[in-house]
Amino acid sequence: MGYGYPAAKAIARLVGDVSHPEVQLRLSSENAWLRAGTLAGLREAQAPGIEKLLRQVLDERQSALVRSEAAVGLNRIQASRLADGRRALG
């Protein structure tokens, strides 16, 4: 893993834009750690379009690492929505 995952995660979180050239560069990398870190950073930033991107990643042929990151990201988004809904009701 080295520094690729945390560096890509930090960049994506700071940028917070799925279509930003720096994000796109990492998402198109052959390095699975860069792709996974980028997905994690975008999810943490709650970047517009991240849910669609995570679903797209799950539909594509990706490494297990990247697919796992996408699945975890979707689960966290859904859990957050559920918690927000409960707070609104309670």
PDB file of N, CA and C in Angstrom:
ATOM      1  N   MET A   1       0.822  -1.177   0.000  1.00  0.00           N
ATOM      2  CA  MET A   1       0.000   0.000   0.000  1.00  0.00           C
ATOM      3  C   MET A   1       0.872   1.249   0.000  1.00  0.00           C
ATOM      4  N   GLY A   2       1.870   1.290   0.833  1.00  0.00           N
ATOM      5  CA  GLY A   2       2.738   2.457   0.872  1.00  0.00           C
ATOM      6  C   GLY A   2       1.971   3.721   1.186  1.00  0.00           C
ATOM      7  N   TYR A   3       2.280   4.774   0.455  1.00  0.00           N
ATOM      8  CA  TYR A   3       1.631   6.060   0.683  1.00  0.00           C
ATOM      9  C   TYR A   3       0.512   6.339  -0.308  1.00  0.00           C
ATOM     10  N   GLY A   4       0.307   5.463  -1.258  1.00  0.00           N
ATOM     11  CA  GLY A   4      -0.669   5.716  -2.317  1.00  0.00           C
ATOM     12  C   GLY A   4      -2.092   5.885  -1.822  1.00  0.00           C
ATOM     13  N   TYR A   5      -2.564   4.946  -1.001  1.00  0.00           N
ATOM     14  CA  TYR A   5      -3.946   4.999  -0.524  1.00  0.00           C
ATOM     15  C   TYR A   5      -4.212   6.269   0.291  1.00  0.00           C
ATOM     16  N   PRO A   6      -3.434   6.522   1.352  1.00  0.00           N
ATOM     17  CA  PRO A   6      -3.733   7.721   2.146  1.00  0.00           C
ATOM     18  C   PRO A   6      -3.537   9.032   1.373  1.00  0.00           C
ATOM     19  N   ALA A   7      -2.583   9.062   0.460  1.00  0.00           N
ATOM     20  CA  ALA A   7      -2.371  10.274  -0.330  1.00  0.00           C
ATOM     21  C   ALA A   7      -3.553  10.514  -1.265  1.00  0.00           C
ATOM     22  N   ALA A   8      -3.997   9.468  -1.953  1.00  0.00           N
ATOM     23  CA  ALA A   8      -5.141   9.596  -2.866  1.00  0.00           C
ATOM     24  C   ALA A   8      -6.408   9.953  -2.091  1.00  0.00           C
ATOM     25  N   LYS A   9      -6.565   9.366  -0.916  1.00  0.00           N
ATOM     26  CA  LYS A   9      -7.734   9.651  -0.077  1.00  0.00           C
ATOM     27  C   LYS A   9      -7.742  11.122   0.338  1.00  0.00           C
ATOM     28  N   ALA A  10      -6.589  11.623   0.762  1.00  0.00           N
ATOM     29  CA  ALA A  10      -6.493  13.020   1.197  1.00  0.00           C
ATOM     30  C   ALA A  10      -6.772  13.982   0.051  1.00  0.00           C
ATOM     31  N   ILE A  11      -6.208  13.708  -1.099  1.00  0.00           N
ATOM     32  CA  ILE A  11      -6.420  14.586  -2.261  1.00  0.00           C
ATOM     33  C   ILE A  11      -7.899  14.611  -2.638  1.00  0.00           C
ATOM     34  N   ALA A  12      -8.511  13.429  -2.715  1.00  0.00           N
ATOM     35  CA  ALA A  12      -9.925  13.356  -3.101  1.00  0.00           C
ATOM     36  C   ALA A  12     -10.816  14.037  -2.066  1.00  0.00           C
ATOM     37  N   ARG A  13     -10.467  13.877  -0.801  1.00  0.00           N
ATOM     38  CA  ARG A  13     -11.269  14.506   0.250  1.00  0.00           C
ATOM     39  C   ARG A  13     -11.159  16.027   0.179  1.00  0.00           C
ATOM     40  N   LEU A  14      -9.974  16.521  -0.069  1.00  0.00           N
ATOM     41  CA  LEU A  14      -9.779  17.972  -0.175  1.00  0.00           C
ATOM     42  C   LEU A  14     -10.468  18.552  -1.407  1.00  0.00           C
ATOM     43  N   VAL A  15     -10.351  17.841  -2.516  1.00  0.00           N
ATOM     44  CA  VAL A  15     -10.942  18.327  -3.768  1.00  0.00           C
ATOM     45  C   VAL A  15     -12.465  18.198  -3.714  1.00  0.00           C
ATOM     46  N   GLY A  16     -12.967  17.037  -3.290  1.00  0.00           N
ATOM     47  CA  GLY A  16     -14.398  16.830  -3.125  1.00  0.00           C
ATOM     48  C   GLY A  16     -15.220  16.939  -4.389  1.00  0.00           C
ATOM     49  N   ASP A  17     -14.617  16.591  -5.519  1.00  0.00           N
ATOM     50  CA  ASP A  17     -15.303  16.715  -6.810  1.00  0.00           C
ATOM     51  C   ASP A  17     -14.954  15.512  -7.673  1.00  0.00           C
ATOM     52  N   VAL A  18     -15.964  14.719  -7.996  1.00  0.00           N
ATOM     53  CA  VAL A  18     -15.771  13.502  -8.776  1.00  0.00           C
ATOM     54  C   VAL A  18     -15.155  13.783 -10.142  1.00  0.00           C
ATOM     55  N   SER A  19     -15.454  14.939 -10.719  1.00  0.00           N
ATOM     56  CA  SER A  19     -14.982  15.234 -12.071  1.00  0.00           C
ATOM     57  C   SER A  19     -13.667  16.022 -12.117  1.00  0.00           C
ATOM     58  N   HIS A  20     -13.100  16.325 -10.978  1.00  0.00           N
ATOM     59  CA  HIS A  20     -11.838  17.078 -10.944  1.00  0.00           C
ATOM     60  C   HIS A  20     -10.729  16.271 -11.629  1.00  0.00           C
ATOM     61  N   PRO A  21      -9.867  16.930 -12.417  1.00  0.00           N
ATOM     62  CA  PRO A  21      -8.810  16.211 -13.143  1.00  0.00           C
ATOM     63  C   PRO A  21      -7.891  15.379 -12.239  1.00  0.00           C
ATOM     64  N   GLU A  22      -7.556  15.865 -11.054  1.00  0.00           N
ATOM     65  CA  GLU A  22      -6.698  15.098 -10.145  1.00  0.00           C
ATOM     66  C   GLU A  22      -7.391  13.829  -9.664  1.00  0.00           C
ATOM     67  N   VAL A  23      -8.677  13.927  -9.439  1.00  0.00           N
ATOM     68  CA  VAL A  23      -9.469  12.769  -9.020  1.00  0.00           C
ATOM     69  C   VAL A  23      -9.581  11.780 -10.173  1.00  0.00           C
ATOM     70  N   GLN A  24      -9.901  12.274 -11.349  1.00  0.00           N
ATOM     71  CA  GLN A  24     -10.031  11.408 -12.520  1.00  0.00           C
ATOM     72  C   GLN A  24      -8.722  10.683 -12.832  1.00  0.00           C
ATOM     73  N   LEU A  25      -7.611  11.371 -12.642  1.00  0.00           N
ATOM     74  CA  LEU A  25      -6.300  10.766 -12.872  1.00  0.00           C
ATOM     75  C   LEU A  25      -6.105   9.556 -11.961  1.00  0.00           C
ATOM     76  N   ARG A  26      -6.483   9.690 -10.707  1.00  0.00           N
ATOM     77  CA  ARG A  26      -6.311   8.590  -9.757  1.00  0.00           C
ATOM     78  C   ARG A  26      -7.335   7.479  -9.971  1.00  0.00           C
ATOM     79  N   LEU A  27      -8.540   7.840 -10.353  1.00  0.00           N
ATOM     80  CA  LEU A  27      -9.556   6.822 -10.616  1.00  0.00           C
ATOM     81  C   LEU A  27      -9.226   5.983 -11.856  1.00  0.00           C
ATOM     82  N   SER A  28      -8.479   6.554 -12.780  1.00  0.00           N
ATOM     83  CA  SER A  28      -8.127   5.820 -14.002  1.00  0.00           C
ATOM     84  C   SER A  28      -6.773   5.125 -13.886  1.00  0.00           C
ATOM     85  N   SER A  29      -6.140   5.237 -12.732  1.00  0.00           N
ATOM     86  CA  SER A  29      -4.830   4.615 -12.520  1.00  0.00           C
ATOM     87  C   SER A  29      -4.937   3.088 -12.525  1.00  0.00           C
ATOM     88  N   GLU A  30      -3.866   2.436 -12.912  1.00  0.00           N
ATOM     89  CA  GLU A  30      -3.811   0.972 -12.827  1.00  0.00           C
ATOM     90  C   GLU A  30      -3.565   0.514 -11.395  1.00  0.00           C
ATOM     91  N   ASN A  31      -3.174   1.434 -10.533  1.00  0.00           N
ATOM     92  CA  ASN A  31      -2.890   1.124  -9.140  1.00  0.00           C
ATOM     93  C   ASN A  31      -4.202   1.069  -8.347  1.00  0.00           C
ATOM     94  N   ALA A  32      -4.573  -0.121  -7.886  1.00  0.00           N
ATOM     95  CA  ALA A  32      -5.830  -0.307  -7.160  1.00  0.00           C
ATOM     96  C   ALA A  32      -5.849   0.477  -5.855  1.00  0.00           C
ATOM     97  N   TRP A  33      -4.699   0.634  -5.204  1.00  0.00           N
ATOM     98  CA  TRP A  33      -4.642   1.394  -3.961  1.00  0.00           C
ATOM     99  C   TRP A  33      -5.005   2.858  -4.195  1.00  0.00           C
ATOM    100  N   LEU A  34      -4.572   3.420  -5.312  1.00  0.00           N
ATOM    101  CA  LEU A  34      -4.925   4.801  -5.635  1.00  0.00           C
ATOM    102  C   LEU A  34      -6.416   4.938  -5.904  1.00  0.00           C
ATOM    103  N   ARG A  35      -6.965   3.984  -6.655  1.00  0.00           N
ATOM    104  CA  ARG A  35      -8.399   4.032  -6.949  1.00  0.00           C
ATOM    105  C   ARG A  35      -9.229   3.893  -5.672  1.00  0.00           C
ATOM    106  N   ALA A  36      -8.854   2.945  -4.817  1.00  0.00           N
ATOM    107  CA  ALA A  36      -9.598   2.730  -3.572  1.00  0.00           C
ATOM    108  C   ALA A  36      -9.494   3.944  -2.647  1.00  0.00           C
ATOM    109  N   GLY A  37      -8.316   4.494  -2.511  1.00  0.00           N
ATOM    110  CA  GLY A  37      -8.140   5.670  -1.672  1.00  0.00           C
ATOM    111  C   GLY A  37      -8.940   6.854  -2.171  1.00  0.00           C
ATOM    112  N   THR A  38      -8.982   7.017  -3.468  1.00  0.00           N
ATOM    113  CA  THR A  38      -9.752   8.104  -4.066  1.00  0.00           C
ATOM    114  C   THR A  38     -11.234   7.945  -3.762  1.00  0.00           C
ATOM    115  N   LEU A  39     -11.744   6.732  -3.885  1.00  0.00           N
ATOM    116  CA  LEU A  39     -13.155   6.483  -3.572  1.00  0.00           C
ATOM    117  C   LEU A  39     -13.452   6.791  -2.107  1.00  0.00           C
ATOM    118  N   ALA A  40     -12.556   6.375  -1.227  1.00  0.00           N
ATOM    119  CA  ALA A  40     -12.749   6.632   0.203  1.00  0.00           C
ATOM    120  C   ALA A  40     -12.756   8.133   0.498  1.00  0.00           C
ATOM    121  N   GLY A  41     -11.850   8.863  -0.107  1.00  0.00           N
ATOM    122  CA  GLY A  41     -11.790  10.302   0.113  1.00  0.00           C
ATOM    123  C   GLY A  41     -13.016  11.022  -0.408  1.00  0.00           C
ATOM    124  N   LEU A  42     -13.482  10.626  -1.574  1.00  0.00           N
ATOM    125  CA  LEU A  42     -14.685  11.240  -2.130  1.00  0.00           C
ATOM    126  C   LEU A  42     -15.902  10.957  -1.259  1.00  0.00           C
ATOM    127  N   ARG A  43     -15.983   9.733  -0.732  1.00  0.00           N
ATOM    128  CA  ARG A  43     -17.103   9.408   0.141  1.00  0.00           C
ATOM    129  C   ARG A  43     -17.045  10.225   1.427  1.00  0.00           C
ATOM    130  N   GLU A  44     -15.867  10.343   2.016  1.00  0.00           N
ATOM    131  CA  GLU A  44     -15.739  11.133   3.239  1.00  0.00           C
ATOM    132  C   GLU A  44     -16.080  12.601   2.994  1.00  0.00           C
ATOM    133  N   ALA A  45     -15.762  13.093   1.828  1.00  0.00           N
ATOM    134  CA  ALA A  45     -16.070  14.484   1.480  1.00  0.00           C
ATOM    135  C   ALA A  45     -17.537  14.664   1.102  1.00  0.00           C
ATOM    136  N   GLN A  46     -18.252  13.563   0.984  1.00  0.00           N
ATOM    137  CA  GLN A  46     -19.645  13.577   0.527  1.00  0.00           C
ATOM    138  C   GLN A  46     -19.758  14.328  -0.800  1.00  0.00           C
ATOM    139  N   ALA A  47     -18.842  13.991  -1.686  1.00  0.00           N
ATOM    140  CA  ALA A  47     -18.779  14.647  -2.996  1.00  0.00           C
ATOM    141  C   ALA A  47     -20.052  14.382  -3.797  1.00  0.00           C
ATOM    142  N   PRO A  48     -20.565  15.401  -4.455  1.00  0.00           N
ATOM    143  CA  PRO A  48     -21.728  15.187  -5.322  1.00  0.00           C
ATOM    144  C   PRO A  48     -21.406  14.123  -6.375  1.00  0.00           C
ATOM    145  N   GLY A  49     -22.299  13.183  -6.549  1.00  0.00           N
ATOM    146  CA  GLY A  49     -22.114  12.132  -7.537  1.00  0.00           C
ATOM    147  C   GLY A  49     -21.373  10.915  -7.033  1.00  0.00           C
ATOM    148  N   ILE A  50     -20.953  10.893  -5.758  1.00  0.00           N
ATOM    149  CA  ILE A  50     -20.171   9.769  -5.258  1.00  0.00           C
ATOM    150  C   ILE A  50     -20.991   8.478  -5.220  1.00  0.00           C
ATOM    151  N   GLU A  51     -22.258   8.569  -4.861  1.00  0.00           N
ATOM    152  CA  GLU A  51     -23.071   7.350  -4.798  1.00  0.00           C
ATOM    153  C   GLU A  51     -23.191   6.708  -6.179  1.00  0.00           C
ATOM    154  N   LYS A  52     -23.425   7.513  -7.183  1.00  0.00           N
ATOM    155  CA  LYS A  52     -23.515   7.005  -8.564  1.00  0.00           C
ATOM    156  C   LYS A  52     -22.188   6.376  -8.975  1.00  0.00           C
ATOM    157  N   LEU A  53     -21.082   7.031  -8.638  1.00  0.00           N
ATOM    158  CA  LEU A  53     -19.762   6.504  -8.973  1.00  0.00           C
ATOM    159  C   LEU A  53     -19.505   5.166  -8.277  1.00  0.00           C
ATOM    160  N   LEU A  54     -19.863   5.065  -7.000  1.00  0.00           N
ATOM    161  CA  LEU A  54     -19.655   3.813  -6.269  1.00  0.00           C
ATOM    162  C   LEU A  54     -20.471   2.678  -6.885  1.00  0.00           C
ATOM    163  N   ARG A  55     -21.702   2.969  -7.276  1.00  0.00           N
ATOM    164  CA  ARG A  55     -22.535   1.942  -7.930  1.00  0.00           C
ATOM    165  C   ARG A  55     -21.930   1.525  -9.277  1.00  0.00           C
ATOM    166  N   GLN A  56     -21.417   2.506  -9.993  1.00  0.00           N
ATOM    167  CA  GLN A  56     -20.777   2.224 -11.286  1.00  0.00           C
ATOM    168  C   GLN A  56     -19.558   1.320 -11.096  1.00  0.00           C
ATOM    169  N   VAL A  57     -18.763   1.605 -10.069  1.00  0.00           N
ATOM    170  CA  VAL A  57     -17.577   0.788  -9.787  1.00  0.00           C
ATOM    171  C   VAL A  57     -17.983  -0.649  -9.488  1.00  0.00           C
ATOM    172  N   LEU A  58     -19.076  -0.838  -8.759  1.00  0.00           N
ATOM    173  CA  LEU A  58     -19.531  -2.185  -8.443  1.00  0.00           C
ATOM    174  C   LEU A  58     -20.011  -2.934  -9.682  1.00  0.00           C
ATOM    175  N   ASP A  59     -20.505  -2.193 -10.663  1.00  0.00           N
ATOM    176  CA  ASP A  59     -20.981  -2.815 -11.896  1.00  0.00           C
ATOM    177  C   ASP A  59     -19.850  -3.139 -12.867  1.00  0.00           C
ATOM    178  N   GLU A  60     -18.699  -2.494 -12.695  1.00  0.00           N
ATOM    179  CA  GLU A  60     -17.569  -2.706 -13.592  1.00  0.00           C
ATOM    180  C   GLU A  60     -16.683  -3.838 -13.086  1.00  0.00           C
ATOM    181  N   ARG A  61     -15.808  -4.248 -13.956  1.00  0.00           N
ATOM    182  CA  ARG A  61     -14.825  -5.259 -13.572  1.00  0.00           C
ATOM    183  C   ARG A  61     -13.655  -4.536 -12.896  1.00  0.00           C
ATOM    184  N   GLN A  62     -13.556  -4.704 -11.594  1.00  0.00           N
ATOM    185  CA  GLN A  62     -12.538  -4.034 -10.793  1.00  0.00           C
ATOM    186  C   GLN A  62     -11.865  -5.060  -9.878  1.00  0.00           C
ATOM    187  N   SER A  63     -10.768  -4.659  -9.292  1.00  0.00           N
ATOM    188  CA  SER A  63     -10.095  -5.530  -8.327  1.00  0.00           C
ATOM    189  C   SER A  63     -10.967  -5.671  -7.085  1.00  0.00           C
ATOM    190  N   ALA A  64     -10.708  -6.714  -6.317  1.00  0.00           N
ATOM    191  CA  ALA A  64     -11.469  -6.945  -5.090  1.00  0.00           C
ATOM    192  C   ALA A  64     -11.323  -5.771  -4.125  1.00  0.00           C
ATOM    193  N   LEU A  65     -10.155  -5.184  -4.073  1.00  0.00           N
ATOM    194  CA  LEU A  65      -9.914  -4.045  -3.186  1.00  0.00           C
ATOM    195  C   LEU A  65     -10.818  -2.863  -3.546  1.00  0.00           C
ATOM    196  N   VAL A  66     -10.889  -2.538  -4.809  1.00  0.00           N
ATOM    197  CA  VAL A  66     -11.679  -1.395  -5.266  1.00  0.00           C
ATOM    198  C   VAL A  66     -13.169  -1.692  -5.103  1.00  0.00           C
ATOM    199  N   ARG A  67     -13.585  -2.900  -5.428  1.00  0.00           N
ATOM    200  CA  ARG A  67     -14.990  -3.279  -5.249  1.00  0.00           C
ATOM    201  C   ARG A  67     -15.379  -3.239  -3.774  1.00  0.00           C
ATOM    202  N   SER A  68     -14.493  -3.682  -2.931  1.00  0.00           N
ATOM    203  CA  SER A  68     -14.753  -3.653  -1.489  1.00  0.00           C
ATOM    204  C   SER A  68     -14.899  -2.219  -0.991  1.00  0.00           C
ATOM    205  N   GLU A  69     -14.028  -1.343  -1.441  1.00  0.00           N
ATOM    206  CA  GLU A  69     -14.107   0.068  -1.042  1.00  0.00           C
ATOM    207  C   GLU A  69     -15.425   0.678  -1.499  1.00  0.00           C
ATOM    208  N   ALA A  70     -15.859   0.330  -2.705  1.00  0.00           N
ATOM    209  CA  ALA A  70     -17.132   0.843  -3.220  1.00  0.00           C
ATOM    210  C   ALA A  70     -18.303   0.311  -2.396  1.00  0.00           C
ATOM    211  N   ALA A  71     -18.273  -0.964  -2.066  1.00  0.00           N
ATOM    212  CA  ALA A  71     -19.353  -1.557  -1.270  1.00  0.00           C
ATOM    213  C   ALA A  71     -19.411  -0.945   0.125  1.00  0.00           C
ATOM    214  N   VAL A  72     -18.271  -0.774   0.752  1.00  0.00           N
ATOM    215  CA  VAL A  72     -18.222  -0.152   2.078  1.00  0.00           C
ATOM    216  C   VAL A  72     -18.727   1.288   1.992  1.00  0.00           C
ATOM    217  N   GLY A  73     -18.318   1.998   0.965  1.00  0.00           N
ATOM    218  CA  GLY A  73     -18.769   3.381   0.785  1.00  0.00           C
ATOM    219  C   GLY A  73     -20.276   3.484   0.661  1.00  0.00           C
ATOM    220  N   LEU A  74     -20.870   2.612  -0.146  1.00  0.00           N
ATOM    221  CA  LEU A  74     -22.327   2.621  -0.292  1.00  0.00           C
ATOM    222  C   LEU A  74     -23.016   2.276   1.019  1.00  0.00           C
ATOM    223  N   ASN A  75     -22.480   1.295   1.737  1.00  0.00           N
ATOM    224  CA  ASN A  75     -23.071   0.927   3.027  1.00  0.00           C
ATOM    225  C   ASN A  75     -23.019   2.093   4.011  1.00  0.00           C
ATOM    226  N   ARG A  76     -21.921   2.815   4.019  1.00  0.00           N
ATOM    227  CA  ARG A  76     -21.798   3.959   4.942  1.00  0.00           C
ATOM    228  C   ARG A  76     -22.742   5.086   4.559  1.00  0.00           C
ATOM    229  N   ILE A  77     -22.913   5.323   3.274  1.00  0.00           N
ATOM    230  CA  ILE A  77     -23.852   6.351   2.822  1.00  0.00           C
ATOM    231  C   ILE A  77     -25.271   5.973   3.248  1.00  0.00           C
ATOM    232  N   GLN A  78     -25.636   4.722   3.046  1.00  0.00           N
ATOM    233  CA  GLN A  78     -26.979   4.269   3.404  1.00  0.00           C
ATOM    234  C   GLN A  78     -27.190   4.298   4.914  1.00  0.00           C
ATOM    235  N   ALA A  79     -26.175   3.923   5.685  1.00  0.00           N
ATOM    236  CA  ALA A  79     -26.285   3.968   7.144  1.00  0.00           C
ATOM    237  C   ALA A  79     -26.438   5.399   7.635  1.00  0.00           C
ATOM    238  N   SER A  80     -25.730   6.312   7.003  1.00  0.00           N
ATOM    239  CA  SER A  80     -25.826   7.726   7.369  1.00  0.00           C
ATOM    240  C   SER A  80     -27.222   8.264   7.086  1.00  0.00           C
ATOM    241  N   ARG A  81     -27.779   7.886   5.959  1.00  0.00           N
ATOM    242  CA  ARG A  81     -29.141   8.312   5.610  1.00  0.00           C
ATOM    243  C   ARG A  81     -30.154   7.783   6.618  1.00  0.00           C
ATOM    244  N   LEU A  82     -29.986   6.525   6.990  1.00  0.00           N
ATOM    245  CA  LEU A  82     -30.887   5.898   7.946  1.00  0.00           C
ATOM    246  C   LEU A  82     -30.805   6.618   9.295  1.00  0.00           C
ATOM    247  N   ALA A  83     -29.585   6.910   9.735  1.00  0.00           N
ATOM    248  CA  ALA A  83     -29.401   7.618  11.007  1.00  0.00           C
ATOM    249  C   ALA A  83     -30.003   9.017  10.944  1.00  0.00           C
ATOM    250  N   ASP A  84     -29.827   9.705   9.823  1.00  0.00           N
ATOM    251  CA  ASP A  84     -30.411  11.045   9.669  1.00  0.00           C
ATOM    252  C   ASP A  84     -31.934  10.992   9.723  1.00  0.00           C
ATOM    253  N   GLY A  85     -32.500   9.972   9.115  1.00  0.00           N
ATOM    254  CA  GLY A  85     -33.953   9.795   9.127  1.00  0.00           C
ATOM    255  C   GLY A  85     -34.480   9.534  10.527  1.00  0.00           C
ATOM    256  N   ARG A  86     -33.742   8.751  11.284  1.00  0.00           N
ATOM    257  CA  ARG A  86     -34.154   8.469  12.670  1.00  0.00           C
ATOM    258  C   ARG A  86     -34.076   9.723  13.523  1.00  0.00           C
ATOM    259  N   ARG A  87     -33.045  10.529  13.314  1.00  0.00           N
ATOM    260  CA  ARG A  87     -32.921  11.770  14.077  1.00  0.00           C
ATOM    261  C   ARG A  87     -34.064  12.726  13.751  1.00  0.00           C
ATOM    262  N   ALA A  88     -34.468  12.744  12.490  1.00  0.00           N
ATOM    263  CA  ALA A  88     -35.552  13.640  12.079  1.00  0.00           C
ATOM    264  C   ALA A  88     -36.886  13.212  12.704  1.00  0.00           C
ATOM    265  N   LEU A  89     -37.050  11.911  12.897  1.00  0.00           N
ATOM    266  CA  LEU A  89     -38.284  11.405  13.474  1.00  0.00           C
ATOM    267  C   LEU A  89     -38.315  11.529  14.991  1.00  0.00           C
ATOM    268  N   GLY A  90     -37.135  11.433  15.604  1.00  0.00           N
ATOM    269  CA  GLY A  90     -37.085  11.338  17.067  1.00  0.00           C
ATOM    270  C   GLY A  90     -36.891  12.606  17.736  1.00  0.00           C
TER     271      GLY A  90
END
